[in-house]
Amino acid sequence: MLVERKEHKEPNGEIGYIESVFDSGNVLKTTYFPINNKLYIAFNRGNTYSYLNVIPQKYQEFENAESQGKFFRENFLNKKEYPCVKEFSLYPNEIKDLKEVVDIHKNKNIDE
């Protein structure tokens, strides 16, 4: 489930990239660059991979999916049309900070 979404705009007003945080058993964060159709997915353990050829419509479907992990497995995992590369791993404090964002969101929903 999408917890937080931030659009970062270019000076001309176009979206440069989108950062999203998810409450998911598998996917922690994404950074999507619609200009070059590149998606970075950071998983819960911090490993971050890039996926090419992800058009904006496909990314929107991913964001809106009931389960990002299931959507990822069915649509991106081992698919030739979305070549992937392991890019880097998040630091433990980055993972902790992102999981705190998710926890704040969960607690906020419980209080409402």
Protein backbone atom coordinates (compact mmCIF):
# COMPACT_ATOMS: atom_id res chain seq x y z
CA MET A 1 0.00 0.00 0.00
CA LEU A 2 1.24 3.46 -0.91
CA VAL A 3 2.13 5.42 2.24
CA GLU A 4 3.90 8.51 0.95
CA ARG A 5 4.41 10.01 -2.52
CA LYS A 6 6.51 13.05 -3.44
CA GLU A 7 6.83 14.50 -6.92
CA HIS A 8 10.01 16.45 -7.65
CA LYS A 9 9.50 18.87 -10.52
CA GLU A 10 11.95 20.26 -13.04
CA PRO A 11 12.21 24.05 -13.56
CA ASN A 12 9.96 23.67 -16.63
CA GLY A 13 7.22 22.12 -14.48
CA GLU A 14 7.63 18.53 -15.69
CA ILE A 15 7.99 15.77 -13.13
CA GLY A 16 11.68 14.95 -12.80
CA TYR A 17 11.14 12.01 -10.49
CA ILE A 18 8.69 10.51 -8.01
CA GLU A 19 9.66 9.04 -4.65
CA SER A 20 7.18 6.71 -2.97
CA VAL A 21 7.21 4.72 0.27
CA PHE A 22 5.12 1.57 0.66
CA ASP A 23 3.72 -0.54 3.47
CA SER A 24 4.59 -3.83 1.83
CA GLY A 25 6.11 -7.10 2.88
CA ASN A 26 8.60 -6.80 0.02
CA VAL A 27 8.86 -3.26 -1.43
CA LEU A 28 10.00 -0.40 0.77
CA LYS A 29 10.59 2.54 -1.58
CA THR A 30 10.61 3.44 -5.24
CA THR A 31 12.15 6.28 -7.18
CA TYR A 32 10.72 6.65 -10.68
CA PHE A 33 12.08 8.82 -13.49
CA PRO A 34 9.28 9.22 -16.07
CA ILE A 35 11.50 11.10 -18.52
CA ASN A 36 13.68 8.04 -19.12
CA ASN A 37 11.24 5.31 -17.93
CA LYS A 38 13.59 4.12 -15.20
CA LEU A 39 12.35 2.69 -11.91
CA TYR A 40 14.44 2.06 -8.81
CA ILE A 41 12.96 -0.35 -6.27
CA ALA A 42 14.41 -0.57 -2.76
CA PHE A 43 13.33 -3.76 -1.06
CA ASN A 44 12.80 -4.18 2.69
CA ARG A 45 16.33 -5.45 3.29
CA GLY A 46 17.74 -2.42 1.46
CA ASN A 47 18.86 -3.95 -1.84
CA THR A 48 17.99 -1.53 -4.62
CA TYR A 49 17.57 -2.48 -8.27
CA SER A 50 16.88 -0.40 -11.36
CA TYR A 51 14.38 -1.46 -14.02
CA LEU A 52 14.35 -0.05 -17.54
CA ASN A 53 11.46 0.56 -19.98
CA VAL A 54 8.86 1.20 -17.25
CA ILE A 55 6.34 3.52 -18.88
CA PRO A 56 4.37 5.95 -16.67
CA GLN A 57 1.16 3.91 -17.01
CA LYS A 58 2.92 0.76 -15.75
CA TYR A 59 4.42 2.68 -12.82
CA GLN A 60 0.98 4.09 -11.94
CA GLU A 61 -0.44 0.56 -11.97
CA PHE A 62 2.38 -0.51 -9.64
CA GLU A 63 1.69 2.37 -7.22
CA ASN A 64 -2.04 1.67 -7.21
CA ALA A 65 -1.76 -2.10 -6.85
CA GLU A 66 -3.28 -3.72 -3.79
CA SER A 67 0.05 -5.50 -3.27
CA GLN A 68 3.24 -3.98 -4.68
CA GLY A 69 5.13 -7.22 -3.99
CA LYS A 70 2.65 -9.29 -5.96
CA PHE A 71 2.56 -6.74 -8.77
CA PHE A 72 6.36 -6.73 -8.86
CA ARG A 73 6.56 -10.53 -9.06
CA GLU A 74 3.91 -10.75 -11.78
CA ASN A 75 5.09 -7.81 -13.90
CA PHE A 76 8.80 -7.08 -13.38
CA LEU A 77 10.62 -10.04 -11.87
CA ASN A 78 12.68 -11.86 -14.52
CA LYS A 79 10.87 -10.12 -17.39
CA LYS A 80 13.08 -9.46 -20.42
CA GLU A 81 11.20 -6.27 -21.30
CA TYR A 82 12.30 -4.75 -17.96
CA PRO A 83 16.07 -5.37 -17.73
CA CYS A 84 17.34 -4.90 -14.21
CA VAL A 85 20.62 -4.20 -12.44
CA LYS A 86 21.45 -4.24 -8.74
CA GLU A 87 22.47 -0.65 -8.08
CA PHE A 88 23.24 -0.36 -4.35
CA SER A 89 22.05 -1.16 -0.85
CA LEU A 90 20.49 1.33 1.52
CA TYR A 91 22.30 1.98 4.77
CA PRO A 92 20.64 0.48 7.88
CA ASN A 93 19.69 3.95 9.13
CA GLU A 94 17.98 4.71 5.78
CA ILE A 95 15.93 1.51 6.06
CA LYS A 96 15.05 2.38 9.66
CA ASP A 97 13.95 5.91 8.67
CA LEU A 98 11.74 4.61 5.86
CA LYS A 99 10.16 1.98 8.11
CA GLU A 100 9.41 4.74 10.64
CA VAL A 101 7.48 6.59 7.91
CA VAL A 102 5.44 3.43 7.38
CA ASP A 103 4.86 3.00 11.15
CA ILE A 104 3.73 6.62 11.50
CA HIS A 105 1.24 6.05 8.69
CA LYS A 106 -0.05 2.84 10.32
CA ASN A 107 -0.46 4.55 13.70
CA LYS A 108 -2.19 7.52 12.08
CA ASN A 109 -4.73 5.19 10.43
CA ILE A 110 -5.37 3.36 13.73
CA ASP A 111 -6.12 6.68 15.47
CA GLU A 112 -8.64 7.77 12.82
